[in-house]
Every structure is written in structure tokens, then in C-alpha cells.
Amino acid sequence: MYITLEEAKKHLNIDESFKDDDVYISSLVQVAEDAVEKNVGIVLSKMSDGGSLPPSVKQSILLLIGNLYTNREATTYGTISEVPYTFKYLINLNRNFEVK
């Protein structure tokens, strides 16, 4: 995993002492990393430089973790609008558009 549990909890504004969701958050990290990898069409290990991901990729993963943690169901109620220059924008910066 490229995002640690501690990094994910910090992004989610969850105190380190709160352990109830640790297993769930760790699973979200795995899901988000897998989703980003499939979205860009590049294995994350090929994108990492000395174990670190490009900042835009790392932030994309954190944004996806936050979205999945906050929205645990496929539907939502109320008015929601997409915030510009977030996941889609950041991930498209790194997408592999090569035709195979």
C-alpha cells in the first residue's frame, strides 16, 4: 500500500486513537489504490519514484478514500454537486492514453 492507515486517517480527520474503523479504512485504501491503478492504466509501482507516488496520484487516492468513507452507499439524498479540479482532474493528469 502506498497510503498508510495513518495518512488515510489524517485525511479523514480521524484521531489516531480511534481504532474502530481501522480495518474498514485499510480496505478502502486497497480499493482506492486498485481503482486509481485501473483508471490510469498504469501499475502504481511503475509510477512510484523511490516508493513515493506523484502528488496528484496520491491526492487522487486520498480523495477517493474520503468519498468512499463518507458515502457508504451507492445513492445519496439531497443536492450534491461535483467539486471542480478534484479526482477526475487529478487522475487524468496521469492517465495512460496509449492505444494498445
PDB file of N, CA and C in Angstrom:
ATOM      1  N   MET A   1       0.845  -1.187   0.000  1.00  0.00           N
ATOM      2  CA  MET A   1       0.000   0.000   0.000  1.00  0.00           C
ATOM      3  C   MET A   1       0.886   1.245   0.000  1.00  0.00           C
ATOM      4  N   TYR A   2       0.476   2.206  -0.780  1.00  0.00           N
ATOM      5  CA  TYR A   2       1.225   3.459  -0.892  1.00  0.00           C
ATOM      6  C   TYR A   2       0.711   4.510   0.082  1.00  0.00           C
ATOM      7  N   ILE A   3      -0.538   4.355   0.510  1.00  0.00           N
ATOM      8  CA  ILE A   3      -1.124   5.247   1.509  1.00  0.00           C
ATOM      9  C   ILE A   3      -1.192   4.467   2.810  1.00  0.00           C
ATOM     10  N   THR A   4      -0.597   4.996   3.854  1.00  0.00           N
ATOM     11  CA  THR A   4      -0.640   4.311   5.143  1.00  0.00           C
ATOM     12  C   THR A   4      -1.978   4.566   5.829  1.00  0.00           C
ATOM     13  N   LEU A   5      -2.290   3.721   6.792  1.00  0.00           N
ATOM     14  CA  LEU A   5      -3.501   3.908   7.586  1.00  0.00           C
ATOM     15  C   LEU A   5      -3.463   5.270   8.272  1.00  0.00           C
ATOM     16  N   GLU A   6      -2.308   5.652   8.764  1.00  0.00           N
ATOM     17  CA  GLU A   6      -2.170   6.942   9.447  1.00  0.00           C
ATOM     18  C   GLU A   6      -2.453   8.108   8.497  1.00  0.00           C
ATOM     19  N   GLU A   7      -1.943   8.022   7.270  1.00  0.00           N
ATOM     20  CA  GLU A   7      -2.206   9.077   6.279  1.00  0.00           C
ATOM     21  C   GLU A   7      -3.689   9.155   5.943  1.00  0.00           C
ATOM     22  N   ALA A   8      -4.308   7.994   5.782  1.00  0.00           N
ATOM     23  CA  ALA A   8      -5.738   7.968   5.457  1.00  0.00           C
ATOM     24  C   ALA A   8      -6.561   8.560   6.598  1.00  0.00           C
ATOM     25  N   LYS A   9      -6.232   8.193   7.835  1.00  0.00           N
ATOM     26  CA  LYS A   9      -6.982   8.718   8.985  1.00  0.00           C
ATOM     27  C   LYS A   9      -6.783  10.222   9.121  1.00  0.00           C
ATOM     28  N   LYS A  10      -5.589  10.696   8.862  1.00  0.00           N
ATOM     29  CA  LYS A  10      -5.343  12.138   8.918  1.00  0.00           C
ATOM     30  C   LYS A  10      -6.177  12.854   7.862  1.00  0.00           C
ATOM     31  N   HIS A  11      -6.218  12.294   6.647  1.00  0.00           N
ATOM     32  CA  HIS A  11      -7.016  12.888   5.574  1.00  0.00           C
ATOM     33  C   HIS A  11      -8.502  12.904   5.951  1.00  0.00           C
ATOM     34  N   LEU A  12      -8.954  11.869   6.643  1.00  0.00           N
ATOM     35  CA  LEU A  12     -10.359  11.758   7.039  1.00  0.00           C
ATOM     36  C   LEU A  12     -10.679  12.527   8.320  1.00  0.00           C
ATOM     37  N   ASN A  13      -9.688  13.187   8.886  1.00  0.00           N
ATOM     38  CA  ASN A  13      -9.843  13.906  10.164  1.00  0.00           C
ATOM     39  C   ASN A  13     -10.298  12.980  11.285  1.00  0.00           C
ATOM     40  N   ILE A  14      -9.695  11.796  11.337  1.00  0.00           N
ATOM     41  CA  ILE A  14      -9.995  10.816  12.377  1.00  0.00           C
ATOM     42  C   ILE A  14      -8.797  10.748  13.312  1.00  0.00           C
ATOM     43  N   ASP A  15      -9.055  10.898  14.586  1.00  0.00           N
ATOM     44  CA  ASP A  15      -7.996  10.841  15.591  1.00  0.00           C
ATOM     45  C   ASP A  15      -7.321   9.467  15.561  1.00  0.00           C
ATOM     46  N   GLU A  16      -6.006   9.451  15.705  1.00  0.00           N
ATOM     47  CA  GLU A  16      -5.250   8.197  15.692  1.00  0.00           C
ATOM     48  C   GLU A  16      -5.706   7.225  16.763  1.00  0.00           C
ATOM     49  N   SER A  17      -6.238   7.745  17.871  1.00  0.00           N
ATOM     50  CA  SER A  17      -6.661   6.876  18.968  1.00  0.00           C
ATOM     51  C   SER A  17      -7.969   6.138  18.666  1.00  0.00           C
ATOM     52  N   PHE A  18      -8.733   6.599  17.674  1.00  0.00           N
ATOM     53  CA  PHE A  18      -9.983   5.939  17.292  1.00  0.00           C
ATOM     54  C   PHE A  18      -9.643   4.765  16.384  1.00  0.00           C
ATOM     55  N   LYS A  19      -9.851   3.562  16.870  1.00  0.00           N
ATOM     56  CA  LYS A  19      -9.429   2.351  16.152  1.00  0.00           C
ATOM     57  C   LYS A  19     -10.591   1.559  15.550  1.00  0.00           C
ATOM     58  N   ASP A  20     -11.834   1.937  15.852  1.00  0.00           N
ATOM     59  CA  ASP A  20     -12.999   1.150  15.434  1.00  0.00           C
ATOM     60  C   ASP A  20     -13.070   0.921  13.927  1.00  0.00           C
ATOM     61  N   ASP A  21     -12.658   1.877  13.133  1.00  0.00           N
ATOM     62  CA  ASP A  21     -12.776   1.777  11.675  1.00  0.00           C
ATOM     63  C   ASP A  21     -11.463   1.427  10.975  1.00  0.00           C
ATOM     64  N   ASP A  22     -10.436   1.062  11.722  1.00  0.00           N
ATOM     65  CA  ASP A  22      -9.123   0.823  11.111  1.00  0.00           C
ATOM     66  C   ASP A  22      -9.149  -0.241  10.015  1.00  0.00           C
ATOM     67  N   VAL A  23      -9.825  -1.353  10.257  1.00  0.00           N
ATOM     68  CA  VAL A  23      -9.882  -2.419   9.252  1.00  0.00           C
ATOM     69  C   VAL A  23     -10.635  -1.924   8.023  1.00  0.00           C
ATOM     70  N   TYR A  24     -11.736  -1.208   8.251  1.00  0.00           N
ATOM     71  CA  TYR A  24     -12.529  -0.681   7.144  1.00  0.00           C
ATOM     72  C   TYR A  24     -11.725   0.345   6.333  1.00  0.00           C
ATOM     73  N   ILE A  25     -11.051   1.247   7.009  1.00  0.00           N
ATOM     74  CA  ILE A  25     -10.251   2.266   6.318  1.00  0.00           C
ATOM     75  C   ILE A  25      -9.119   1.608   5.526  1.00  0.00           C
ATOM     76  N   SER A  26      -8.479   0.605   6.109  1.00  0.00           N
ATOM     77  CA  SER A  26      -7.412  -0.114   5.391  1.00  0.00           C
ATOM     78  C   SER A  26      -7.947  -0.760   4.121  1.00  0.00           C
ATOM     79  N   SER A  27      -9.169  -1.298   4.193  1.00  0.00           N
ATOM     80  CA  SER A  27      -9.757  -1.892   2.986  1.00  0.00           C
ATOM     81  C   SER A  27     -10.061  -0.817   1.945  1.00  0.00           C
ATOM     82  N   LEU A  28     -10.467   0.372   2.397  1.00  0.00           N
ATOM     83  CA  LEU A  28     -10.725   1.470   1.462  1.00  0.00           C
ATOM     84  C   LEU A  28      -9.441   1.924   0.775  1.00  0.00           C
ATOM     85  N   VAL A  29      -8.334   1.892   1.495  1.00  0.00           N
ATOM     86  CA  VAL A  29      -7.038   2.243   0.895  1.00  0.00           C
ATOM     87  C   VAL A  29      -6.733   1.278  -0.250  1.00  0.00           C
ATOM     88  N   GLN A  30      -6.930  -0.010  -0.004  1.00  0.00           N
ATOM     89  CA  GLN A  30      -6.671  -1.007  -1.046  1.00  0.00           C
ATOM     90  C   GLN A  30      -7.594  -0.813  -2.243  1.00  0.00           C
ATOM     91  N   VAL A  31      -8.872  -0.575  -1.973  1.00  0.00           N
ATOM     92  CA  VAL A  31      -9.844  -0.366  -3.051  1.00  0.00           C
ATOM     93  C   VAL A  31      -9.478   0.875  -3.863  1.00  0.00           C
ATOM     94  N   ALA A  32      -9.148   1.966  -3.177  1.00  0.00           N
ATOM     95  CA  ALA A  32      -8.832   3.223  -3.862  1.00  0.00           C
ATOM     96  C   ALA A  32      -7.564   3.089  -4.699  1.00  0.00           C
ATOM     97  N   GLU A  33      -6.548   2.444  -4.161  1.00  0.00           N
ATOM     98  CA  GLU A  33      -5.314   2.255  -4.924  1.00  0.00           C
ATOM     99  C   GLU A  33      -5.573   1.394  -6.157  1.00  0.00           C
ATOM    100  N   ASP A  34      -6.360   0.344  -6.008  1.00  0.00           N
ATOM    101  CA  ASP A  34      -6.699  -0.519  -7.134  1.00  0.00           C
ATOM    102  C   ASP A  34      -7.498   0.251  -8.186  1.00  0.00           C
ATOM    103  N   ALA A  35      -8.461   1.046  -7.734  1.00  0.00           N
ATOM    104  CA  ALA A  35      -9.299   1.819  -8.656  1.00  0.00           C
ATOM    105  C   ALA A  35      -8.474   2.838  -9.439  1.00  0.00           C
ATOM    106  N   VAL A  36      -7.562   3.514  -8.763  1.00  0.00           N
ATOM    107  CA  VAL A  36      -6.715   4.504  -9.438  1.00  0.00           C
ATOM    108  C   VAL A  36      -5.809   3.808 -10.451  1.00  0.00           C
ATOM    109  N   GLU A  37      -5.247   2.687 -10.056  1.00  0.00           N
ATOM    110  CA  GLU A  37      -4.376   1.928 -10.960  1.00  0.00           C
ATOM    111  C   GLU A  37      -5.123   1.542 -12.237  1.00  0.00           C
ATOM    112  N   LYS A  38      -6.331   1.044 -12.076  1.00  0.00           N
ATOM    113  CA  LYS A  38      -7.132   0.640 -13.237  1.00  0.00           C
ATOM    114  C   LYS A  38      -7.581   1.854 -14.049  1.00  0.00           C
ATOM    115  N   ASN A  39      -7.852   2.964 -13.369  1.00  0.00           N
ATOM    116  CA  ASN A  39      -8.314   4.170 -14.048  1.00  0.00           C
ATOM    117  C   ASN A  39      -7.232   4.767 -14.938  1.00  0.00           C
ATOM    118  N   VAL A  40      -6.009   4.792 -14.452  1.00  0.00           N
ATOM    119  CA  VAL A  40      -4.926   5.391 -15.241  1.00  0.00           C
ATOM    120  C   VAL A  40      -4.286   4.398 -16.201  1.00  0.00           C
ATOM    121  N   GLY A  41      -4.509   3.109 -15.970  1.00  0.00           N
ATOM    122  CA  GLY A  41      -3.939   2.101 -16.851  1.00  0.00           C
ATOM    123  C   GLY A  41      -2.456   1.886 -16.661  1.00  0.00           C
ATOM    124  N   ILE A  42      -1.962   2.243 -15.487  1.00  0.00           N
ATOM    125  CA  ILE A  42      -0.540   2.071 -15.167  1.00  0.00           C
ATOM    126  C   ILE A  42      -0.446   1.479 -13.763  1.00  0.00           C
ATOM    127  N   VAL A  43       0.387   0.465 -13.604  1.00  0.00           N
ATOM    128  CA  VAL A  43       0.603  -0.120 -12.288  1.00  0.00           C
ATOM    129  C   VAL A  43       1.275   0.928 -11.403  1.00  0.00           C
ATOM    130  N   LEU A  44       0.775   1.077 -10.175  1.00  0.00           N
ATOM    131  CA  LEU A  44       1.303   2.120  -9.286  1.00  0.00           C
ATOM    132  C   LEU A  44       2.800   1.979  -9.050  1.00  0.00           C
ATOM    133  N   SER A  45       3.296   0.760  -9.001  1.00  0.00           N
ATOM    134  CA  SER A  45       4.738   0.580  -8.770  1.00  0.00           C
ATOM    135  C   SER A  45       5.570   1.190  -9.898  1.00  0.00           C
ATOM    136  N   LYS A  46       5.008   1.278 -11.099  1.00  0.00           N
ATOM    137  CA  LYS A  46       5.718   1.904 -12.220  1.00  0.00           C
ATOM    138  C   LYS A  46       5.647   3.423 -12.148  1.00  0.00           C
ATOM    139  N   MET A  47       4.711   3.934 -11.358  1.00  0.00           N
ATOM    140  CA  MET A  47       4.568   5.386 -11.215  1.00  0.00           C
ATOM    141  C   MET A  47       5.361   5.916 -10.031  1.00  0.00           C
ATOM    142  N   SER A  48       5.727   5.015  -9.124  1.00  0.00           N
ATOM    143  CA  SER A  48       6.387   5.474  -7.901  1.00  0.00           C
ATOM    144  C   SER A  48       7.865   5.712  -8.148  1.00  0.00           C
ATOM    145  N   ASP A  49       8.368   6.709  -7.471  1.00  0.00           N
ATOM    146  CA  ASP A  49       9.776   7.066  -7.563  1.00  0.00           C
ATOM    147  C   ASP A  49      10.364   6.879  -6.174  1.00  0.00           C
ATOM    148  N   GLY A  50      11.065   5.777  -5.974  1.00  0.00           N
ATOM    149  CA  GLY A  50      11.624   5.502  -4.660  1.00  0.00           C
ATOM    150  C   GLY A  50      10.554   5.217  -3.620  1.00  0.00           C
ATOM    151  N   GLY A  51       9.423   4.665  -4.050  1.00  0.00           N
ATOM    152  CA  GLY A  51       8.341   4.341  -3.127  1.00  0.00           C
ATOM    153  C   GLY A  51       7.307   5.428  -2.967  1.00  0.00           C
ATOM    154  N   SER A  52       7.545   6.600  -3.554  1.00  0.00           N
ATOM    155  CA  SER A  52       6.600   7.715  -3.455  1.00  0.00           C
ATOM    156  C   SER A  52       5.856   7.889  -4.770  1.00  0.00           C
ATOM    157  N   LEU A  53       4.559   8.120  -4.662  1.00  0.00           N
ATOM    158  CA  LEU A  53       3.744   8.380  -5.846  1.00  0.00           C
ATOM    159  C   LEU A  53       3.779   9.858  -6.187  1.00  0.00           C
ATOM    160  N   PRO A  54       3.506  10.215  -7.444  1.00  0.00           N
ATOM    161  CA  PRO A  54       3.360  11.632  -7.779  1.00  0.00           C
ATOM    162  C   PRO A  54       2.271  12.244  -6.895  1.00  0.00           C
ATOM    163  N   PRO A  55       2.443  13.479  -6.456  1.00  0.00           N
ATOM    164  CA  PRO A  55       1.467  14.101  -5.553  1.00  0.00           C
ATOM    165  C   PRO A  55       0.031  14.063  -6.069  1.00  0.00           C
ATOM    166  N   SER A  56      -0.167  14.240  -7.368  1.00  0.00           N
ATOM    167  CA  SER A  56      -1.536  14.229  -7.901  1.00  0.00           C
ATOM    168  C   SER A  56      -2.169  12.845  -7.787  1.00  0.00           C
ATOM    169  N   VAL A  57      -1.377  11.793  -7.935  1.00  0.00           N
ATOM    170  CA  VAL A  57      -1.894  10.428  -7.801  1.00  0.00           C
ATOM    171  C   VAL A  57      -2.220  10.143  -6.340  1.00  0.00           C
ATOM    172  N   LYS A  58      -1.326  10.534  -5.452  1.00  0.00           N
ATOM    173  CA  LYS A  58      -1.556  10.318  -4.022  1.00  0.00           C
ATOM    174  C   LYS A  58      -2.818  11.051  -3.564  1.00  0.00           C
ATOM    175  N   GLN A  59      -2.977  12.287  -4.001  1.00  0.00           N
ATOM    176  CA  GLN A  59      -4.158  13.057  -3.614  1.00  0.00           C
ATOM    177  C   GLN A  59      -5.421  12.440  -4.204  1.00  0.00           C
ATOM    178  N   SER A  60      -5.347  11.904  -5.413  1.00  0.00           N
ATOM    179  CA  SER A  60      -6.491  11.226  -6.022  1.00  0.00           C
ATOM    180  C   SER A  60      -6.928  10.038  -5.176  1.00  0.00           C
ATOM    181  N   ILE A  61      -5.968   9.272  -4.702  1.00  0.00           N
ATOM    182  CA  ILE A  61      -6.272   8.121  -3.849  1.00  0.00           C
ATOM    183  C   ILE A  61      -6.930   8.590  -2.558  1.00  0.00           C
ATOM    184  N   LEU A  62      -6.378   9.634  -1.942  1.00  0.00           N
ATOM    185  CA  LEU A  62      -6.954  10.153  -0.697  1.00  0.00           C
ATOM    186  C   LEU A  62      -8.369  10.690  -0.914  1.00  0.00           C
ATOM    187  N   LEU A  63      -8.600  11.375  -2.029  1.00  0.00           N
ATOM    188  CA  LEU A  63      -9.944  11.879  -2.331  1.00  0.00           C
ATOM    189  C   LEU A  63     -10.931  10.732  -2.475  1.00  0.00           C
ATOM    190  N   LEU A  64     -10.517   9.675  -3.134  1.00  0.00           N
ATOM    191  CA  LEU A  64     -11.392   8.525  -3.313  1.00  0.00           C
ATOM    192  C   LEU A  64     -11.668   7.837  -1.977  1.00  0.00           C
ATOM    193  N   ILE A  65     -10.660   7.720  -1.131  1.00  0.00           N
ATOM    194  CA  ILE A  65     -10.859   7.149   0.205  1.00  0.00           C
ATOM    195  C   ILE A  65     -11.879   7.981   0.972  1.00  0.00           C
ATOM    196  N   GLY A  66     -11.730   9.300   0.929  1.00  0.00           N
ATOM    197  CA  GLY A  66     -12.669  10.182   1.622  1.00  0.00           C
ATOM    198  C   GLY A  66     -14.084  10.032   1.111  1.00  0.00           C
ATOM    199  N   ASN A  67     -14.226   9.929  -0.195  1.00  0.00           N
ATOM    200  CA  ASN A  67     -15.549   9.766  -0.791  1.00  0.00           C
ATOM    201  C   ASN A  67     -16.170   8.442  -0.367  1.00  0.00           C
ATOM    202  N   LEU A  68     -15.399   7.360  -0.428  1.00  0.00           N
ATOM    203  CA  LEU A  68     -15.913   6.048  -0.057  1.00  0.00           C
ATOM    204  C   LEU A  68     -16.243   5.966   1.433  1.00  0.00           C
ATOM    205  N   TYR A  69     -15.457   6.617   2.266  1.00  0.00           N
ATOM    206  CA  TYR A  69     -15.699   6.590   3.711  1.00  0.00           C
ATOM    207  C   TYR A  69     -16.960   7.372   4.065  1.00  0.00           C
ATOM    208  N   THR A  70     -17.134   8.513   3.430  1.00  0.00           N
ATOM    209  CA  THR A  70     -18.282   9.374   3.721  1.00  0.00           C
ATOM    210  C   THR A  70     -19.566   8.836   3.111  1.00  0.00           C
ATOM    211  N   ASN A  71     -19.478   8.293   1.913  1.00  0.00           N
ATOM    212  CA  ASN A  71     -20.655   7.812   1.178  1.00  0.00           C
ATOM    213  C   ASN A  71     -20.596   6.291   1.088  1.00  0.00           C
ATOM    214  N   ARG A  72     -21.139   5.636   2.075  1.00  0.00           N
ATOM    215  CA  ARG A  72     -21.036   4.179   2.149  1.00  0.00           C
ATOM    216  C   ARG A  72     -22.090   3.453   1.332  1.00  0.00           C
ATOM    217  N   GLU A  73     -22.954   4.175   0.703  1.00  0.00           N
ATOM    218  CA  GLU A  73     -23.996   3.574  -0.138  1.00  0.00           C
ATOM    219  C   GLU A  73     -23.890   4.140  -1.549  1.00  0.00           C
ATOM    220  N   ALA A  74     -24.550   3.477  -2.493  1.00  0.00           N
ATOM    221  CA  ALA A  74     -24.480   3.887  -3.898  1.00  0.00           C
ATOM    222  C   ALA A  74     -25.385   5.069  -4.218  1.00  0.00           C
ATOM    223  N   THR A  75     -26.278   5.408  -3.310  1.00  0.00           N
ATOM    224  CA  THR A  75     -27.188   6.528  -3.534  1.00  0.00           C
ATOM    225  C   THR A  75     -27.028   7.550  -2.431  1.00  0.00           C
ATOM    226  N   THR A  76     -27.461   8.758  -2.727  1.00  0.00           N
ATOM    227  CA  THR A  76     -27.398   9.835  -1.755  1.00  0.00           C
ATOM    228  C   THR A  76     -28.669  10.662  -1.854  1.00  0.00           C
ATOM    229  N   TYR A  77     -28.978  11.377  -0.808  1.00  0.00           N
ATOM    230  CA  TYR A  77     -30.165  12.220  -0.785  1.00  0.00           C
ATOM    231  C   TYR A  77     -29.745  13.677  -0.690  1.00  0.00           C
ATOM    232  N   GLY A  78     -30.523  14.539  -1.288  1.00  0.00           N
ATOM    233  CA  GLY A  78     -30.202  15.960  -1.243  1.00  0.00           C
ATOM    234  C   GLY A  78     -29.494  16.384  -2.515  1.00  0.00           C
ATOM    235  N   THR A  79     -29.097  17.624  -2.531  1.00  0.00           N
ATOM    236  CA  THR A  79     -28.417  18.170  -3.695  1.00  0.00           C
ATOM    237  C   THR A  79     -26.915  18.067  -3.495  1.00  0.00           C
ATOM    238  N   ILE A  80     -26.271  17.447  -4.446  1.00  0.00           N
ATOM    239  CA  ILE A  80     -24.822  17.289  -4.395  1.00  0.00           C
ATOM    240  C   ILE A  80     -24.275  17.723  -5.740  1.00  0.00           C
ATOM    241  N   SER A  81     -23.202  18.449  -5.714  1.00  0.00           N
ATOM    242  CA  SER A  81     -22.555  18.809  -6.971  1.00  0.00           C
ATOM    243  C   SER A  81     -21.070  18.495  -6.866  1.00  0.00           C
ATOM    244  N   GLU A  82     -20.499  18.166  -7.992  1.00  0.00           N
ATOM    245  CA  GLU A  82     -19.087  17.809  -8.027  1.00  0.00           C
ATOM    246  C   GLU A  82     -18.225  19.046  -7.822  1.00  0.00           C
ATOM    247  N   VAL A  83     -17.189  18.878  -7.019  1.00  0.00           N
ATOM    248  CA  VAL A  83     -16.231  19.951  -6.796  1.00  0.00           C
ATOM    249  C   VAL A  83     -15.230  19.912  -7.949  1.00  0.00           C
ATOM    250  N   PRO A  84     -15.040  21.020  -8.652  1.00  0.00           N
ATOM    251  CA  PRO A  84     -14.113  21.002  -9.787  1.00  0.00           C
ATOM    252  C   PRO A  84     -12.663  20.792  -9.347  1.00  0.00           C
ATOM    253  N   TYR A  85     -11.879  20.275 -10.259  1.00  0.00           N
ATOM    254  CA  TYR A  85     -10.443  20.057 -10.050  1.00  0.00           C
ATOM    255  C   TYR A  85     -10.153  19.116  -8.889  1.00  0.00           C
ATOM    256  N   THR A  86     -10.921  18.035  -8.805  1.00  0.00           N
ATOM    257  CA  THR A  86     -10.630  17.042  -7.775  1.00  0.00           C
ATOM    258  C   THR A  86     -10.235  15.729  -8.434  1.00  0.00           C
ATOM    259  N   PHE A  87     -10.908  14.625  -8.080  1.00  0.00           N
ATOM    260  CA  PHE A  87     -10.464  13.308  -8.514  1.00  0.00           C
ATOM    261  C   PHE A  87     -10.291  13.201 -10.024  1.00  0.00           C
ATOM    262  N   LYS A  88     -11.326  13.506 -10.784  1.00  0.00           N
ATOM    263  CA  LYS A  88     -11.245  13.339 -12.245  1.00  0.00           C
ATOM    264  C   LYS A  88     -10.109  14.162 -12.841  1.00  0.00           C
ATOM    265  N   TYR A  89      -9.980  15.374 -12.400  1.00  0.00           N
ATOM    266  CA  TYR A  89      -8.924  16.243 -12.918  1.00  0.00           C
ATOM    267  C   TYR A  89      -7.543  15.680 -12.574  1.00  0.00           C
ATOM    268  N   LEU A  90      -7.332  15.352 -11.297  1.00  0.00           N
ATOM    269  CA  LEU A  90      -6.021  14.880 -10.859  1.00  0.00           C
ATOM    270  C   LEU A  90      -5.645  13.559 -11.518  1.00  0.00           C
ATOM    271  N   ILE A  91      -6.607  12.650 -11.620  1.00  0.00           N
ATOM    272  CA  ILE A  91      -6.292  11.341 -12.174  1.00  0.00           C
ATOM    273  C   ILE A  91      -6.031  11.422 -13.671  1.00  0.00           C
ATOM    274  N   ASN A  92      -6.717  12.316 -14.364  1.00  0.00           N
ATOM    275  CA  ASN A  92      -6.489  12.460 -15.800  1.00  0.00           C
ATOM    276  C   ASN A  92      -5.100  13.000 -16.117  1.00  0.00           C
ATOM    277  N   LEU A  93      -4.476  13.657 -15.172  1.00  0.00           N
ATOM    278  CA  LEU A  93      -3.105  14.129 -15.376  1.00  0.00           C
ATOM    279  C   LEU A  93      -2.139  12.966 -15.562  1.00  0.00           C
ATOM    280  N   ASN A  94      -2.508  11.803 -15.046  1.00  0.00           N
ATOM    281  CA  ASN A  94      -1.613  10.649 -15.042  1.00  0.00           C
ATOM    282  C   ASN A  94      -2.102   9.483 -15.887  1.00  0.00           C
ATOM    283  N   ARG A  95      -3.210   9.651 -16.562  1.00  0.00           N
ATOM    284  CA  ARG A  95      -3.803   8.557 -17.333  1.00  0.00           C
ATOM    285  C   ARG A  95      -2.918   8.180 -18.512  1.00  0.00           C
ATOM    286  N   ASN A  96      -2.856   6.878 -18.765  1.00  0.00           N
ATOM    287  CA  ASN A  96      -2.119   6.349 -19.906  1.00  0.00           C
ATOM    288  C   ASN A  96      -3.090   6.266 -21.077  1.00  0.00           C
ATOM    289  N   PHE A  97      -2.964   7.155 -22.034  1.00  0.00           N
ATOM    290  CA  PHE A  97      -3.869   7.212 -23.175  1.00  0.00           C
ATOM    291  C   PHE A  97      -3.344   6.441 -24.386  1.00  0.00           C
ATOM    292  N   GLU A  98      -2.291   5.658 -24.198  1.00  0.00           N
ATOM    293  CA  GLU A  98      -1.729   4.890 -25.307  1.00  0.00           C
ATOM    294  C   GLU A  98      -2.731   3.853 -25.787  1.00  0.00           C
ATOM    295  N   VAL A  99      -2.804   3.693 -27.094  1.00  0.00           N
ATOM    296  CA  VAL A  99      -3.663   2.665 -27.678  1.00  0.00           C
ATOM    297  C   VAL A  99      -2.872   1.373 -27.719  1.00  0.00           C
ATOM    298  N   LYS A 100      -3.484   0.314 -27.197  1.00  0.00           N
ATOM    299  CA  LYS A 100      -2.777  -0.977 -27.164  1.00  0.00           C
ATOM    300  C   LYS A 100      -3.273  -1.885 -28.248  1.00  0.00           C
TER     301      LYS A 100
END
